[in-house]
Amino acid sequence: MSDEVRVVVVDDHVDGAESLAELLTFNGYCVKTAHDGIEAWELIQAFQPLCVLFDINMPGIDGAELSRRLRATYGNEMVLIAITGAPEDDEQVMETFARVDYYLQKPINLARLQVALPPLN
């Protein structure tokens, strides 16, 4: 396997997911996108990314459930970054925050994102 740093971006807002993926690709990451939690779960199992950036409020498997599955399956092997526009005191948001390495509020602060991302090899 190459030294590429694989990242999955998951957001049901297609334009937002694709824009973030383009930015990360431009910066040297190998990126794939999914637009709901079910698609994300399948993609992550096949692609085995080092990092997953995901929206919390999504159809199907939401971010809380996705983070629960990822931690149960992969432990701390993946960097999990939750992205949300919801308030921090939202119950689903707080539950998700307990399992992730970082969380970012929408719109994403690019300086904070850079700190959260795994370094390129």
Foldseek 3Di string as FASTA:
>chain_A
DDLAAEEEEEALPVVVSVVVQVVVVVVGHHYDYYNALVRVVVCCVVVVGQEYEYEQDGPDQGLLNSLVVCCVVPNNSHAYEYEYQDDCPPPSNVSNVVRHPYYAYPVGDVVVVVVSDDDRD
